[in-house]
Structure formats: structure tokens, C-alpha cells
């Protein structure tokens, strides 16, 4: 399966996020995909969190946020990620396949 790619990469101009110093790294259609990315970043020493957005089913709904000063690192980490299906499952569920 390989690495899941986000709907888009962007800087979110949301005042609340900017005040806290967090910037949008990527937007996904579901929180599970965003959660896998956030967990991967955290396991590689890059703080990350998932924030949902109120939108329709056709719009992206989960933002992966990272501290603004680590946005470049987050992009580099994700671009160089080569995750197996088992690793993706572990990041999503916290369980090893076959356990």
C-alpha cells in the first residue's frame, strides 16, 4: 500500500492555530489517516496533533498540525517515510499485525 498522501499541503491562516504557533502540515479526508501521520511524526521527534474541521463529506476534515518552526522537518520526515503495511497498521491501532 505504501505511504498515504494528503489531500493538500498548505499553511492555514486560522487565527487560533497561528496564536498557538501551530501550522497545518496536511489535510486528510478522515481522522484515521491524519492520526497515522501525526503518530509517525511524533515517533520521529516532531510534535503533531490532529484537529478536525466542520465541513461536508466532500471536503477535507482532519488537519495535521505541527509547530511552525518544525514544519520543514515534518515535510522532510513524511517525504522520506517508507512505511510498510504492518507499520501503518501499528501506527493506526497500536497493535502489531497478527497479535
Protein backbone atom coordinates (compact mmCIF):
# COMPACT_ATOMS: atom_id res chain seq x y z
CA UNK A 1 0.00 0.00 0.00
CA UNK A 2 2.79 2.47 0.81
CA UNK A 3 2.56 5.96 2.20
CA UNK A 4 -0.75 7.80 2.11
CA UNK A 5 -0.53 11.26 0.62
CA UNK A 6 -2.52 14.19 1.98
CA UNK A 7 -5.25 15.97 0.10
CA UNK A 8 -3.04 19.06 0.08
CA UNK A 9 -0.17 20.76 1.86
CA UNK A 10 -0.81 24.31 2.93
CA UNK A 11 -0.37 26.99 5.55
CA UNK A 12 -3.65 27.56 7.32
CA UNK A 13 -4.46 31.22 8.07
CA UNK A 14 -6.61 30.31 11.04
CA UNK A 15 -6.03 32.84 13.84
CA UNK A 16 -6.38 30.30 16.67
CA UNK A 17 -3.76 28.00 15.17
CA UNK A 18 -1.38 30.89 14.49
CA UNK A 19 -1.74 32.18 18.07
CA UNK A 20 -0.65 28.83 19.41
CA UNK A 21 2.24 28.60 16.94
CA UNK A 22 0.86 25.50 15.18
CA UNK A 23 0.60 25.35 11.41
CA UNK A 24 -1.25 22.99 9.13
CA UNK A 25 1.07 20.35 7.71
CA UNK A 26 -1.56 18.44 5.73
CA UNK A 27 -5.30 17.90 5.38
CA UNK A 28 -6.92 14.47 5.09
CA UNK A 29 -10.47 13.34 4.44
CA UNK A 30 -10.61 11.33 7.66
CA UNK A 31 -9.16 11.47 11.14
CA UNK A 32 -7.70 7.97 10.96
CA UNK A 33 -5.36 8.90 8.10
CA UNK A 34 -4.44 12.17 9.80
CA UNK A 35 -3.84 10.29 13.06
CA UNK A 36 -1.43 7.87 11.40
CA UNK A 37 0.61 10.78 10.01
CA UNK A 38 0.58 12.62 13.35
CA UNK A 39 1.69 9.47 15.20
CA UNK A 40 4.53 8.89 12.72
CA UNK A 41 5.73 12.48 13.14
CA UNK A 42 5.55 12.23 16.97
CA UNK A 43 7.53 8.96 16.94
CA UNK A 44 10.21 10.81 14.96
CA UNK A 45 10.51 13.66 17.48
CA UNK A 46 8.23 16.10 15.68
CA UNK A 47 5.25 17.19 17.81
CA UNK A 48 1.97 16.84 15.92
CA UNK A 49 -1.74 16.91 16.61
CA UNK A 50 -4.94 16.34 14.67
CA UNK A 51 -7.66 18.97 14.52
CA UNK A 52 -10.97 18.34 12.80
CA UNK A 53 -12.84 20.92 10.81
CA UNK A 54 -16.54 21.36 10.27
CA UNK A 55 -17.12 20.51 6.65
CA UNK A 56 -19.27 18.45 4.33
CA UNK A 57 -18.50 14.88 3.37
CA UNK A 58 -16.89 16.18 0.17
CA UNK A 59 -14.43 18.46 1.97
CA UNK A 60 -11.28 17.50 3.86
CA UNK A 61 -12.00 17.16 7.55
CA UNK A 62 -8.82 16.48 9.50
CA UNK A 63 -5.78 18.76 9.76
CA UNK A 64 -2.37 17.52 10.89
CA UNK A 65 -0.80 20.41 12.81
CA UNK A 66 2.86 20.86 13.73
CA UNK A 67 4.72 23.72 15.41
CA UNK A 68 5.55 26.31 12.78
CA UNK A 69 9.29 26.08 13.41
CA UNK A 70 9.15 22.32 12.71
CA UNK A 71 7.03 22.47 9.55
CA UNK A 72 10.06 21.90 7.29
CA UNK A 73 11.16 18.92 9.42
CA UNK A 74 7.67 17.41 9.28
CA UNK A 75 7.62 17.70 5.49
CA UNK A 76 11.06 16.10 5.25
CA UNK A 77 10.14 13.25 7.62
CA UNK A 78 6.96 12.42 5.73
CA UNK A 79 8.60 12.72 2.31
CA UNK A 80 11.28 10.21 3.34
CA UNK A 81 8.88 7.81 5.09
CA UNK A 82 8.84 4.32 3.60
CA UNK A 83 6.25 2.59 5.73
CA UNK A 84 5.13 -0.99 5.28
CA UNK A 85 1.52 -2.08 5.63
CA UNK A 86 2.39 -3.54 9.06
CA UNK A 87 3.92 -0.26 10.21
CA UNK A 88 0.87 1.69 9.03
CA UNK A 89 -1.39 -0.72 10.91
CA UNK A 90 0.71 -0.33 14.06
CA UNK A 91 0.57 3.46 13.85
CA UNK A 92 -3.19 3.36 13.33
CA UNK A 93 -4.06 0.80 16.00
CA UNK A 94 -1.07 0.49 18.33
CA UNK A 95 -1.08 -3.27 17.71
CA UNK A 96 1.29 -5.38 15.70
CA UNK A 97 -0.31 -7.43 12.89
CA UNK A 98 -1.12 -10.95 14.00
CA UNK A 99 -1.17 -10.03 17.71
